[in-house]
Amino acid sequence: RYNGIFVASIKPAWLLIANKYSKMVTGLQHIVSLNPKAF
């Protein structure tokens, strides 16, 4: 019972972190594709 509440409260934070991380990765891939010789 308590575990379900804990997971429910933590899930939105993980979604936000995952969203930020995926945007960062997309941004890095964009930079690499713009300037491949630098990497």
N, C-alpha and C. Protein backbone atom coordinates (compact mmCIF):
# COMPACT_ATOMS: atom_id res chain seq x y z
N ARG A 1 0.84 -1.21 0.00
CA ARG A 1 0.00 0.00 0.00
C ARG A 1 0.88 1.26 0.00
N TYR A 2 1.82 1.36 0.95
CA TYR A 2 2.69 2.53 1.00
C TYR A 2 3.61 2.60 -0.23
N ASN A 3 4.02 1.43 -0.67
CA ASN A 3 4.91 1.36 -1.82
C ASN A 3 4.26 1.97 -3.05
N GLY A 4 2.97 1.71 -3.27
CA GLY A 4 2.26 2.27 -4.42
C GLY A 4 2.23 3.79 -4.38
N ILE A 5 2.02 4.36 -3.19
CA ILE A 5 2.02 5.82 -3.05
C ILE A 5 3.41 6.38 -3.36
N PHE A 6 4.43 5.70 -2.87
CA PHE A 6 5.81 6.12 -3.09
C PHE A 6 6.15 6.13 -4.58
N VAL A 7 5.80 5.05 -5.27
CA VAL A 7 6.06 4.95 -6.71
C VAL A 7 5.29 6.02 -7.47
N ALA A 8 4.03 6.24 -7.08
CA ALA A 8 3.20 7.23 -7.77
C ALA A 8 3.78 8.64 -7.61
N SER A 9 4.37 8.93 -6.45
CA SER A 9 4.93 10.27 -6.23
C SER A 9 6.27 10.43 -6.94
N ILE A 10 6.98 9.34 -7.17
CA ILE A 10 8.31 9.42 -7.78
C ILE A 10 8.24 9.38 -9.31
N LYS A 11 7.20 8.77 -9.85
CA LYS A 11 7.11 8.59 -11.30
C LYS A 11 7.15 9.91 -12.07
N PRO A 12 6.41 10.97 -11.69
CA PRO A 12 6.48 12.23 -12.43
C PRO A 12 7.88 12.82 -12.48
N ALA A 13 8.62 12.70 -11.38
CA ALA A 13 9.99 13.20 -11.35
C ALA A 13 10.86 12.46 -12.36
N TRP A 14 10.70 11.14 -12.42
CA TRP A 14 11.47 10.34 -13.39
C TRP A 14 11.11 10.71 -14.82
N LEU A 15 9.81 10.98 -15.07
CA LEU A 15 9.39 11.37 -16.41
C LEU A 15 10.02 12.70 -16.80
N LEU A 16 10.08 13.64 -15.86
CA LEU A 16 10.70 14.93 -16.14
C LEU A 16 12.19 14.77 -16.43
N ILE A 17 12.86 13.95 -15.61
CA ILE A 17 14.30 13.72 -15.82
C ILE A 17 14.54 13.05 -17.17
N ALA A 18 13.73 12.04 -17.48
CA ALA A 18 13.89 11.33 -18.75
C ALA A 18 13.64 12.27 -19.92
N ASN A 19 12.65 13.15 -19.78
CA ASN A 19 12.34 14.11 -20.84
C ASN A 19 13.50 15.07 -21.06
N LYS A 20 14.05 15.61 -19.98
CA LYS A 20 15.20 16.52 -20.08
C LYS A 20 16.39 15.80 -20.70
N TYR A 21 16.64 14.55 -20.27
CA TYR A 21 17.78 13.79 -20.76
C TYR A 21 17.65 13.53 -22.26
N SER A 22 16.44 13.15 -22.70
CA SER A 22 16.25 12.86 -24.12
C SER A 22 16.41 14.12 -24.95
N LYS A 23 16.01 15.28 -24.41
CA LYS A 23 16.22 16.55 -25.12
C LYS A 23 17.70 16.88 -25.22
N MET A 24 18.45 16.62 -24.14
CA MET A 24 19.89 16.85 -24.15
C MET A 24 20.56 15.97 -25.19
N VAL A 25 20.18 14.69 -25.23
CA VAL A 25 20.77 13.76 -26.19
C VAL A 25 20.45 14.20 -27.62
N THR A 26 19.20 14.61 -27.84
CA THR A 26 18.81 15.09 -29.17
C THR A 26 19.63 16.32 -29.55
N GLY A 27 19.84 17.22 -28.59
CA GLY A 27 20.64 18.42 -28.84
C GLY A 27 22.08 18.07 -29.17
N LEU A 28 22.65 17.10 -28.45
CA LEU A 28 24.02 16.67 -28.72
C LEU A 28 24.14 16.06 -30.11
N GLN A 29 23.16 15.22 -30.47
CA GLN A 29 23.18 14.60 -31.79
C GLN A 29 23.09 15.67 -32.88
N HIS A 30 22.30 16.71 -32.63
CA HIS A 30 22.16 17.81 -33.58
C HIS A 30 23.49 18.53 -33.76
N ILE A 31 24.18 18.81 -32.63
CA ILE A 31 25.49 19.48 -32.69
C ILE A 31 26.50 18.63 -33.45
N VAL A 32 26.50 17.32 -33.16
CA VAL A 32 27.43 16.41 -33.84
C VAL A 32 27.15 16.37 -35.34
N SER A 33 25.87 16.35 -35.71
CA SER A 33 25.52 16.27 -37.13
C SER A 33 25.86 17.58 -37.85
N LEU A 34 25.85 18.70 -37.10
CA LEU A 34 26.22 19.98 -37.71
C LEU A 34 27.73 20.10 -37.88
N ASN A 35 28.49 19.51 -36.96
CA ASN A 35 29.94 19.67 -36.95
C ASN A 35 30.62 18.33 -36.68
N PRO A 36 30.52 17.38 -37.60
CA PRO A 36 31.04 16.03 -37.34
C PRO A 36 32.55 15.97 -37.20
N LYS A 37 33.29 16.89 -37.83
CA LYS A 37 34.75 16.83 -37.77
C LYS A 37 35.29 17.16 -36.39
N ALA A 38 34.51 17.86 -35.58
CA ALA A 38 34.97 18.22 -34.24
C ALA A 38 34.91 17.02 -33.29
N PHE A 39 34.22 15.95 -33.67
CA PHE A 39 34.03 14.81 -32.77
C PHE A 39 34.71 13.55 -33.28
